[in-house]
Amino acid sequence: MMVDIPSHYPNPEMSPHSMEINTGTTRMEMQAGNSKQRRYWFFLPVKWALTWKANTVYAQDIVRWLNRYGYDWFGVKVVGPLNTTINMQPLKLMSLRLISDLQISRVGHDLWSISGSAEGEPSQTITKGESDD
């Protein structure tokens, strides 16, 4: 069951230069003929760097919530290159899960930065065996 992050928490920011795509291919030596590329998985995993900025009270709550629910799939509205509020369109809910430890740092008198890496929920675009030879 996916849990949505509470709506009163600030939306995290997604760094536009942080997206990493792992194609998941490996080179297989064949008994005869040319080598062939094989897939590790049937979806394209994408990793993003997320940062929440909040005052002390909200920062403590966000860290507690992320430690409890963040390492499983959760819904969150992310501000970034894939999800913007251009033309006053509402942010779309994205399904993410944390894949790194949280980094917490103080950036101002009453301002904290909570950062971590997250992956997006895979969309099964290729079914197993669909393109195997």
C-alpha atoms as a PDB file:
ATOM      1  CA  MET A   1       0.000   0.000   0.000  1.00  0.00           C
ATOM      2  CA  MET A   2       1.444   3.350  -1.044  1.00  0.00           C
ATOM      3  CA  VAL A   3       1.300   6.193   1.470  1.00  0.00           C
ATOM      4  CA  ASP A   4       1.232   9.850   0.365  1.00  0.00           C
ATOM      5  CA  ILE A   5       3.481  12.311   2.142  1.00  0.00           C
ATOM      6  CA  PRO A   6       1.376  14.704   4.270  1.00  0.00           C
ATOM      7  CA  SER A   7       0.183  17.673   2.206  1.00  0.00           C
ATOM      8  CA  HIS A   8       1.231  20.256   4.807  1.00  0.00           C
ATOM      9  CA  TYR A   9       4.928  19.332   4.344  1.00  0.00           C
ATOM     10  CA  PRO A  10       6.847  21.395   1.789  1.00  0.00           C
ATOM     11  CA  ASN A  11       7.311  19.812  -1.645  1.00  0.00           C
ATOM     12  CA  PRO A  12      10.831  18.501  -2.295  1.00  0.00           C
ATOM     13  CA  GLU A  13      12.953  19.953  -5.067  1.00  0.00           C
ATOM     14  CA  MET A  14      14.468  17.730  -7.735  1.00  0.00           C
ATOM     15  CA  SER A  15      17.829  18.881  -9.022  1.00  0.00           C
ATOM     16  CA  PRO A  16      17.640  19.104 -12.832  1.00  0.00           C
ATOM     17  CA  HIS A  17      21.168  17.710 -13.240  1.00  0.00           C
ATOM     18  CA  SER A  18      20.805  14.811 -10.820  1.00  0.00           C
ATOM     19  CA  MET A  19      18.848  12.323 -12.924  1.00  0.00           C
ATOM     20  CA  GLU A  20      20.753   9.074 -13.530  1.00  0.00           C
ATOM     21  CA  ILE A  21      19.401   6.404 -15.834  1.00  0.00           C
ATOM     22  CA  ASN A  22      20.656   2.841 -15.569  1.00  0.00           C
ATOM     23  CA  THR A  23      19.971   0.932 -18.761  1.00  0.00           C
ATOM     24  CA  GLY A  24      20.850  -2.333 -17.083  1.00  0.00           C
ATOM     25  CA  THR A  25      22.576  -4.078 -19.965  1.00  0.00           C
ATOM     26  CA  THR A  26      25.544  -6.401 -19.854  1.00  0.00           C
ATOM     27  CA  ARG A  27      27.703  -7.783 -22.628  1.00  0.00           C
ATOM     28  CA  MET A  28      27.378 -11.545 -23.049  1.00  0.00           C
ATOM     29  CA  GLU A  29      30.072 -13.506 -24.847  1.00  0.00           C
ATOM     30  CA  MET A  30      28.525 -16.051 -27.189  1.00  0.00           C
ATOM     31  CA  GLN A  31      29.857 -19.523 -28.100  1.00  0.00           C
ATOM     32  CA  ALA A  32      29.984 -18.462 -31.743  1.00  0.00           C
ATOM     33  CA  GLY A  33      29.276 -15.244 -33.586  1.00  0.00           C
ATOM     34  CA  ASN A  34      28.953 -11.700 -32.287  1.00  0.00           C
ATOM     35  CA  SER A  35      28.529 -10.722 -28.645  1.00  0.00           C
ATOM     36  CA  LYS A  36      25.039  -9.720 -27.529  1.00  0.00           C
ATOM     37  CA  GLN A  37      23.602  -7.212 -25.040  1.00  0.00           C
ATOM     38  CA  ARG A  38      21.286  -8.656 -22.379  1.00  0.00           C
ATOM     39  CA  ARG A  39      19.019  -6.745 -19.979  1.00  0.00           C
ATOM     40  CA  TYR A  40      19.202  -7.041 -16.190  1.00  0.00           C
ATOM     41  CA  TRP A  41      15.581  -5.903 -15.818  1.00  0.00           C
ATOM     42  CA  PHE A  42      12.497  -5.074 -17.859  1.00  0.00           C
ATOM     43  CA  PHE A  43      12.119  -1.418 -16.866  1.00  0.00           C
ATOM     44  CA  LEU A  44      14.384   1.617 -16.889  1.00  0.00           C
ATOM     45  CA  PRO A  45      15.385   2.576 -13.323  1.00  0.00           C
ATOM     46  CA  VAL A  46      15.841   6.312 -12.785  1.00  0.00           C
ATOM     47  CA  LYS A  47      17.491   7.881  -9.744  1.00  0.00           C
ATOM     48  CA  TRP A  48      16.991  11.505  -8.629  1.00  0.00           C
ATOM     49  CA  ALA A  49      18.451  13.718  -5.911  1.00  0.00           C
ATOM     50  CA  LEU A  50      15.648  15.201  -3.784  1.00  0.00           C
ATOM     51  CA  THR A  51      15.910  18.039  -1.272  1.00  0.00           C
ATOM     52  CA  TRP A  52      13.338  19.250   1.246  1.00  0.00           C
ATOM     53  CA  LYS A  53      13.889  22.676   2.821  1.00  0.00           C
ATOM     54  CA  ALA A  54      11.990  23.380   6.015  1.00  0.00           C
ATOM     55  CA  ASN A  55      12.119  25.154   9.354  1.00  0.00           C
ATOM     56  CA  THR A  56      13.171  23.245  12.466  1.00  0.00           C
ATOM     57  CA  VAL A  57       9.696  21.961  13.407  1.00  0.00           C
ATOM     58  CA  TYR A  58       8.824  20.697   9.926  1.00  0.00           C
ATOM     59  CA  ALA A  59      12.342  19.334   9.359  1.00  0.00           C
ATOM     60  CA  GLN A  60      12.034  17.079  12.413  1.00  0.00           C
ATOM     61  CA  ASP A  61       8.622  15.842  11.246  1.00  0.00           C
ATOM     62  CA  ILE A  62       9.844  15.231   7.674  1.00  0.00           C
ATOM     63  CA  VAL A  63      12.852  13.229   8.866  1.00  0.00           C
ATOM     64  CA  ARG A  64      10.642  11.102  11.143  1.00  0.00           C
ATOM     65  CA  TRP A  65       8.120  10.509   8.348  1.00  0.00           C
ATOM     66  CA  LEU A  66      10.805   9.640   5.772  1.00  0.00           C
ATOM     67  CA  ASN A  67      12.553   7.249   8.159  1.00  0.00           C
ATOM     68  CA  ARG A  68       9.250   5.466   8.751  1.00  0.00           C
ATOM     69  CA  TYR A  69       7.677   5.464   5.250  1.00  0.00           C
ATOM     70  CA  GLY A  70      10.298   6.781   2.799  1.00  0.00           C
ATOM     71  CA  TYR A  71      12.077   3.518   2.051  1.00  0.00           C
ATOM     72  CA  ASP A  72       8.908   2.001   0.608  1.00  0.00           C
ATOM     73  CA  TRP A  73       6.870   3.523  -2.266  1.00  0.00           C
ATOM     74  CA  PHE A  74       5.263   6.824  -1.301  1.00  0.00           C
ATOM     75  CA  GLY A  75       3.408   9.525  -3.217  1.00  0.00           C
ATOM     76  CA  VAL A  76       4.882  13.025  -3.312  1.00  0.00           C
ATOM     77  CA  LYS A  77       4.555  16.157  -5.435  1.00  0.00           C
ATOM     78  CA  VAL A  78       8.064  17.061  -6.606  1.00  0.00           C
ATOM     79  CA  VAL A  79       9.166  20.449  -7.917  1.00  0.00           C
ATOM     80  CA  GLY A  80      11.674  19.985 -10.731  1.00  0.00           C
ATOM     81  CA  PRO A  81      12.284  19.639 -14.454  1.00  0.00           C
ATOM     82  CA  LEU A  82       9.767  16.807 -14.905  1.00  0.00           C
ATOM     83  CA  ASN A  83       7.056  18.363 -12.763  1.00  0.00           C
ATOM     84  CA  THR A  84       6.611  22.157 -12.828  1.00  0.00           C
ATOM     85  CA  THR A  85       3.850  24.638 -12.122  1.00  0.00           C
ATOM     86  CA  ILE A  86       4.131  26.438 -15.479  1.00  0.00           C
ATOM     87  CA  ASN A  87       0.794  28.019 -16.510  1.00  0.00           C
ATOM     88  CA  MET A  88      -0.526  27.395 -12.988  1.00  0.00           C
ATOM     89  CA  GLN A  89      -0.977  23.647 -13.582  1.00  0.00           C
ATOM     90  CA  PRO A  90      -1.008  21.630 -10.347  1.00  0.00           C
ATOM     91  CA  LEU A  91       1.957  19.394  -9.578  1.00  0.00           C
ATOM     92  CA  LYS A  92       1.446  15.725 -10.372  1.00  0.00           C
ATOM     93  CA  LEU A  93       1.795  13.087  -7.687  1.00  0.00           C
ATOM     94  CA  MET A  94       4.866  10.910  -8.285  1.00  0.00           C
ATOM     95  CA  SER A  95       5.558   7.510  -6.761  1.00  0.00           C
ATOM     96  CA  LEU A  96       9.081   7.382  -5.293  1.00  0.00           C
ATOM     97  CA  ARG A  97      11.128   5.553  -2.684  1.00  0.00           C
ATOM     98  CA  LEU A  98      14.388   6.518  -1.016  1.00  0.00           C
ATOM     99  CA  ILE A  99      17.471   4.492  -1.908  1.00  0.00           C
ATOM    100  CA  SER A 100      20.081   6.343   0.155  1.00  0.00           C
ATOM    101  CA  ASP A 101      20.570   7.615   3.664  1.00  0.00           C
ATOM    102  CA  LEU A 102      19.242  11.088   4.446  1.00  0.00           C
ATOM    103  CA  GLN A 103      21.688  13.978   4.670  1.00  0.00           C
ATOM    104  CA  ILE A 104      20.546  16.739   7.013  1.00  0.00           C
ATOM    105  CA  SER A 105      22.248  20.122   7.148  1.00  0.00           C
ATOM    106  CA  ARG A 106      21.472  23.542   8.542  1.00  0.00           C
ATOM    107  CA  VAL A 107      21.424  26.223   5.842  1.00  0.00           C
ATOM    108  CA  GLY A 108      20.104  29.198   7.816  1.00  0.00           C
ATOM    109  CA  HIS A 109      18.979  30.417  11.225  1.00  0.00           C
ATOM    110  CA  ASP A 110      15.780  28.363  11.144  1.00  0.00           C
ATOM    111  CA  LEU A 111      16.187  26.545   7.818  1.00  0.00           C
ATOM    112  CA  TRP A 112      17.241  22.930   7.294  1.00  0.00           C
ATOM    113  CA  SER A 113      17.991  20.931   4.165  1.00  0.00           C
ATOM    114  CA  ILE A 114      17.062  17.223   4.063  1.00  0.00           C
ATOM    115  CA  SER A 115      18.481  15.425   1.017  1.00  0.00           C
ATOM    116  CA  GLY A 116      18.472  11.898  -0.335  1.00  0.00           C
ATOM    117  CA  SER A 117      18.401   9.845  -3.499  1.00  0.00           C
ATOM    118  CA  ALA A 118      15.136   8.321  -4.691  1.00  0.00           C
ATOM    119  CA  GLU A 119      14.041   6.089  -7.526  1.00  0.00           C
ATOM    120  CA  GLY A 120      10.797   6.342  -9.438  1.00  0.00           C
ATOM    121  CA  GLU A 121       8.328   3.478  -9.511  1.00  0.00           C
ATOM    122  CA  PRO A 122       9.025   1.362 -12.590  1.00  0.00           C
ATOM    123  CA  SER A 123       6.490   1.243 -15.374  1.00  0.00           C
ATOM    124  CA  GLN A 124       6.409  -2.156 -17.004  1.00  0.00           C
ATOM    125  CA  THR A 125       6.716  -1.181 -20.656  1.00  0.00           C
ATOM    126  CA  ILE A 126       8.364  -4.425 -21.771  1.00  0.00           C
ATOM    127  CA  THR A 127       6.903  -7.713 -20.626  1.00  0.00           C
ATOM    128  CA  LYS A 128       9.304 -10.512 -19.822  1.00  0.00           C
ATOM    129  CA  GLY A 129      10.335 -12.456 -22.893  1.00  0.00           C
ATOM    130  CA  GLU A 130       8.774  -9.959 -25.326  1.00  0.00           C
ATOM    131  CA  SER A 131      12.015  -9.112 -27.122  1.00  0.00           C
ATOM    132  CA  ASP A 132      14.139 -12.168 -26.243  1.00  0.00           C
ATOM    133  CA  ASP A 133      15.482 -14.173 -29.167  1.00  0.00           C
END
